[in-house]
Protein backbone atom coordinates (compact mmCIF):
# COMPACT_ATOMS: atom_id res chain seq x y z
CA MET A 1 -90.15 11.59 14.86
CA ALA A 2 -91.15 8.08 16.14
CA GLY A 3 -88.95 5.11 15.75
CA SER A 4 -85.73 6.35 17.46
CA SER A 5 -85.45 3.67 20.07
CA SER A 6 -81.81 2.73 19.13
CA ALA A 7 -80.68 6.33 19.75
CA ASN A 8 -82.49 6.28 23.10
CA GLU A 9 -79.90 3.65 24.36
CA ASN A 10 -77.07 6.22 24.31
CA THR A 11 -76.13 7.90 27.59
CA SER A 12 -77.28 11.26 28.59
CA SER A 13 -73.77 12.70 28.74
CA SER A 14 -73.09 11.80 25.03
CA LEU A 15 -76.40 13.32 23.85
CA MET A 16 -76.92 16.52 25.86
CA LEU A 17 -76.09 19.96 24.39
CA LYS A 18 -73.66 22.12 26.14
CA ILE A 19 -76.16 24.64 27.28
CA LYS A 20 -75.53 27.19 30.18
CA GLN A 21 -77.95 26.83 32.93
CA ASN A 22 -79.30 30.41 32.72
CA GLN A 23 -79.60 30.57 29.04
CA ASN A 24 -82.40 30.82 26.60
CA MET A 25 -81.55 30.05 22.97
CA ILE A 26 -82.03 30.31 19.17
CA ILE A 27 -81.34 26.89 17.66
CA ASP A 28 -78.78 26.06 15.06
CA LEU A 29 -80.49 23.36 12.89
CA HIS A 30 -77.41 22.38 10.93
CA SER A 31 -77.23 18.64 11.93
CA SER A 32 -73.61 18.28 11.14
CA LYS A 33 -72.78 20.34 14.25
CA TYR A 34 -74.32 17.76 16.53
CA ASN A 35 -73.50 14.37 17.82
CA GLU A 36 -74.40 11.59 15.30
CA ALA A 37 -77.12 10.25 17.47
CA LEU A 38 -78.88 13.69 17.60
CA GLN A 39 -78.70 14.36 13.87
CA PRO A 40 -81.97 12.56 12.98
CA MET A 41 -83.72 14.75 15.73
CA ILE A 42 -82.21 17.97 14.21
CA GLU A 43 -83.21 17.02 10.78
CA CYS A 44 -86.91 16.42 11.97
CA LEU A 45 -86.92 19.92 13.65
CA LYS A 46 -85.53 21.44 10.52
CA PHE A 47 -88.53 20.30 8.54
CA SER A 48 -91.12 20.63 11.32
CA ARG A 49 -93.86 23.21 11.59
CA ILE A 50 -92.01 25.15 14.19
CA SER A 51 -88.68 25.40 12.36
CA LYS A 52 -89.03 29.19 11.76
CA ALA A 53 -90.06 29.78 15.24
CA LEU A 54 -86.83 27.95 16.53
CA THR A 55 -84.45 29.68 14.15
CA ALA A 56 -85.81 33.24 13.19
CA SER A 57 -83.78 36.10 14.56
CA GLU A 58 -82.81 39.67 13.69
CA GLU A 59 -79.82 41.77 14.62
CA VAL A 60 -81.35 44.35 16.96
CA PRO A 61 -79.25 46.61 19.18
CA ILE A 62 -79.52 45.50 22.75
CA VAL A 63 -80.72 49.05 23.86
CA TYR A 64 -83.96 48.58 21.90
CA LEU A 65 -84.50 44.95 23.05
CA SER A 66 -84.04 46.16 26.56
CA SER A 67 -86.52 49.00 26.12
CA ALA A 68 -89.09 46.71 24.56
CA TYR A 69 -88.67 43.97 27.22
CA SER A 70 -88.84 46.27 30.11
CA SER A 71 -91.89 48.04 28.98
CA ALA A 72 -93.78 44.94 27.71
CA PHE A 73 -97.25 44.50 29.13
CA TYR A 74 -99.99 42.01 28.13
CA ASN A 75 -103.50 43.54 27.62
CA LYS A 76 -105.79 40.52 28.32
CA ALA A 77 -108.95 42.48 27.17
CA ASP A 78 -107.50 43.14 23.58
CA ASP A 79 -105.23 40.00 23.64
CA VAL A 80 -102.15 42.20 22.57
CA VAL A 81 -98.70 42.81 24.05
CA THR A 82 -97.79 46.44 24.16
CA PHE A 83 -94.32 47.83 24.46
CA GLU A 84 -92.14 50.88 23.85
CA VAL A 85 -88.95 51.42 21.83
CA GLY A 86 -87.58 54.80 22.63
CA SER A 87 -90.59 57.13 22.55
CA ILE A 88 -92.51 54.94 20.13
CA LYS A 89 -95.42 52.89 21.47
CA THR A 90 -96.35 49.79 19.57
CA ARG A 91 -98.28 46.57 20.04
CA ILE A 92 -98.37 43.14 18.66
CA SER A 93 -101.44 40.97 18.29
CA LYS A 94 -101.76 37.18 18.40
CA SER A 95 -102.41 37.02 14.66
CA ARG A 96 -99.43 39.18 13.82
CA PHE A 97 -97.27 37.05 16.06
CA GLY A 98 -98.49 33.91 14.32
CA LYS A 99 -97.62 35.36 10.88
CA LEU A 100 -94.07 36.33 11.99
CA LEU A 101 -93.56 32.68 12.95
CA GLY A 102 -94.93 31.21 9.80
CA PHE A 103 -98.42 30.09 11.06
CA ALA A 104 -100.39 32.44 8.95
CA ASP A 105 -101.64 29.75 6.38
CA GLN A 106 -102.47 27.00 8.89
CA THR A 107 -105.80 25.25 8.09
CA ASP A 108 -107.65 22.49 9.88
CA ILE A 109 -105.70 23.25 13.00
CA ILE A 110 -106.27 21.16 16.14
CA ASP A 111 -106.94 22.94 19.50
CA PRO A 112 -104.33 21.53 21.92
CA GLU A 113 -107.01 21.93 24.72
CA SER A 114 -109.04 19.32 22.86
CA LEU A 115 -106.40 16.58 23.83
CA SER A 116 -107.97 14.27 26.47
CA PRO A 117 -106.38 14.29 29.97
CA SER A 118 -104.94 10.84 29.55
CA THR A 119 -103.33 11.54 26.05
CA LEU A 120 -100.20 13.21 27.30
CA PRO A 121 -99.31 10.80 30.25
CA ARG A 122 -99.78 7.84 27.59
CA PHE A 123 -97.57 9.68 25.09
CA PHE A 124 -94.70 10.03 27.59
CA TYR A 125 -94.94 6.42 28.52
CA GLN A 126 -94.71 5.63 24.78
CA LEU A 127 -91.49 7.52 24.63
CA GLY A 128 -90.18 5.43 27.30
CA TYR A 129 -90.66 7.55 30.33
CA LYS A 130 -89.40 5.97 33.64
CA GLY A 131 -91.58 6.93 36.59
CA ASP A 132 -95.06 7.84 37.73
CA ILE A 133 -96.76 10.31 35.42
CA THR A 134 -100.42 9.61 36.16
CA GLN A 135 -100.60 13.37 36.66
CA LEU A 136 -98.71 15.84 34.55
CA SER A 137 -97.56 17.65 37.65
CA LYS A 138 -95.41 14.72 38.42
CA PHE A 139 -93.52 14.97 35.15
CA THR A 140 -89.65 15.38 35.45
CA LYS A 141 -87.44 15.68 32.37
CA LYS A 142 -84.80 13.40 33.88
CA SER A 143 -87.25 10.44 33.56
CA LEU A 144 -87.23 10.75 29.78
CA PRO A 145 -84.77 8.65 27.67
CA PRO A 146 -81.72 10.82 26.56
CA LEU A 147 -82.90 11.61 23.09
CA TRP A 148 -86.28 12.92 24.29
CA ASN A 149 -84.67 14.75 27.19
CA PHE A 150 -82.60 16.51 24.55
CA LEU A 151 -85.64 17.54 22.57
CA PHE A 152 -87.35 18.75 25.82
CA THR A 153 -84.23 20.88 26.56
CA ILE A 154 -84.27 22.44 23.11
CA LEU A 155 -87.91 23.33 23.30
CA PHE A 156 -87.75 24.62 26.82
CA LYS A 157 -84.70 26.80 26.15
CA SER A 158 -86.22 28.15 22.93
CA PHE A 159 -89.85 28.84 24.05
CA SER A 160 -90.09 29.00 27.89
CA GLU A 161 -90.22 32.13 29.90
CA ARG A 162 -87.83 30.60 32.45
CA THR A 163 -84.03 30.22 32.27
CA THR A 164 -83.89 27.84 35.27
CA GLY A 165 -86.02 25.09 36.67
CA THR A 166 -86.20 23.20 33.31
CA ASP A 167 -87.50 19.84 34.72
CA SER A 168 -91.17 20.54 34.05
CA ALA A 169 -93.49 22.78 32.06
CA SER A 170 -97.12 23.55 31.30
CA LYS A 171 -99.68 21.33 29.69
CA LEU A 172 -99.55 23.58 26.49
CA PHE A 173 -95.83 23.01 26.37
CA TYR A 174 -96.25 19.23 26.75
CA SER A 175 -98.85 19.47 23.78
CA LEU A 176 -96.22 21.11 21.61
CA PHE A 177 -93.94 18.19 22.28
CA TYR A 178 -96.72 15.80 21.49
CA GLY A 179 -97.65 17.58 18.23
CA LEU A 180 -94.08 17.43 17.02
CA TYR A 181 -93.72 13.78 17.67
CA HIS A 182 -96.88 12.84 15.88
CA ASP A 183 -96.52 15.46 13.15
CA ILE A 184 -100.07 16.73 13.68
CA ASN A 185 -101.27 20.27 12.85
CA LEU A 186 -101.83 21.60 16.36
CA ASP A 187 -102.42 25.22 16.68
CA TYR A 188 -98.81 25.86 17.33
CA GLY A 189 -99.38 29.66 16.88
CA SER A 190 -101.61 29.83 19.88
CA ILE A 191 -99.30 27.62 22.01
CA LEU A 192 -96.27 29.94 21.33
CA TRP A 193 -98.39 32.92 21.81
CA SER A 194 -99.35 31.66 25.21
CA GLN A 195 -95.61 31.06 26.11
CA PHE A 196 -94.84 34.57 24.85
CA VAL A 197 -97.62 36.13 27.06
CA GLU A 198 -96.52 34.13 29.89
CA SER A 199 -92.88 35.32 29.52
CA VAL A 200 -94.33 38.94 29.70
CA ASN A 201 -96.38 38.22 32.68
CA TYR A 202 -93.49 36.39 34.37
CA LYS A 203 -91.22 39.46 33.86
CA ASN A 204 -93.86 41.81 35.33
CA ARG A 205 -94.71 39.65 38.27
CA HIS A 206 -90.99 39.43 39.20
CA SER A 207 -90.59 43.18 38.70
CA GLU A 208 -93.40 43.78 41.06
CA ILE A 209 -91.88 41.41 43.71
CA SER A 210 -88.44 43.31 43.40
CA CYS A 211 -90.15 46.62 43.86
CA ALA A 212 -92.00 45.46 46.87
CA ARG A 213 -88.74 44.35 48.57
CA PHE A 214 -87.62 48.01 48.59
């Protein structure tokens, strides 16, 4: 994905997707549907290691999705997510999750936690980040050049547990960004599993807060 400096010169308004603020999404990777300046990025994503994770979907009745989501719970001891559909209880493991997203045959994978603390700040400066990012906690999406702001938005809307507050993320999420840019074989299955688990935990935390208010 490196070498897109000419596209970076475009304005944000000409590059950004029309995404609703409170929306998560499955990505359409048909590049012809995007602004010309974005098409190289979409092509890269189409052939990336996470293309299946970005685009895989099934037609599932909303009643089943609602049942599964509302009952989902992460069992840390077994590293599984349990949920119910109707009266049927089931679970999904980390390995099964990875297989569903196309990561079953990964070899020689790199642990994202092995990236040194200075790697990610240097990487963002390489992209043309404008601002202080000596600490990842200072990261703001708006300081990225338009093309990389666009990529950040796509990844965040696809994999984050949040639908709002899209200006920053976790270290693992930044590692995903880094791995795609450099086309290295990070353990994407573990990264996305972590995002999935966090979405379940996030839902349960907010459910507990809502109940406590009443």
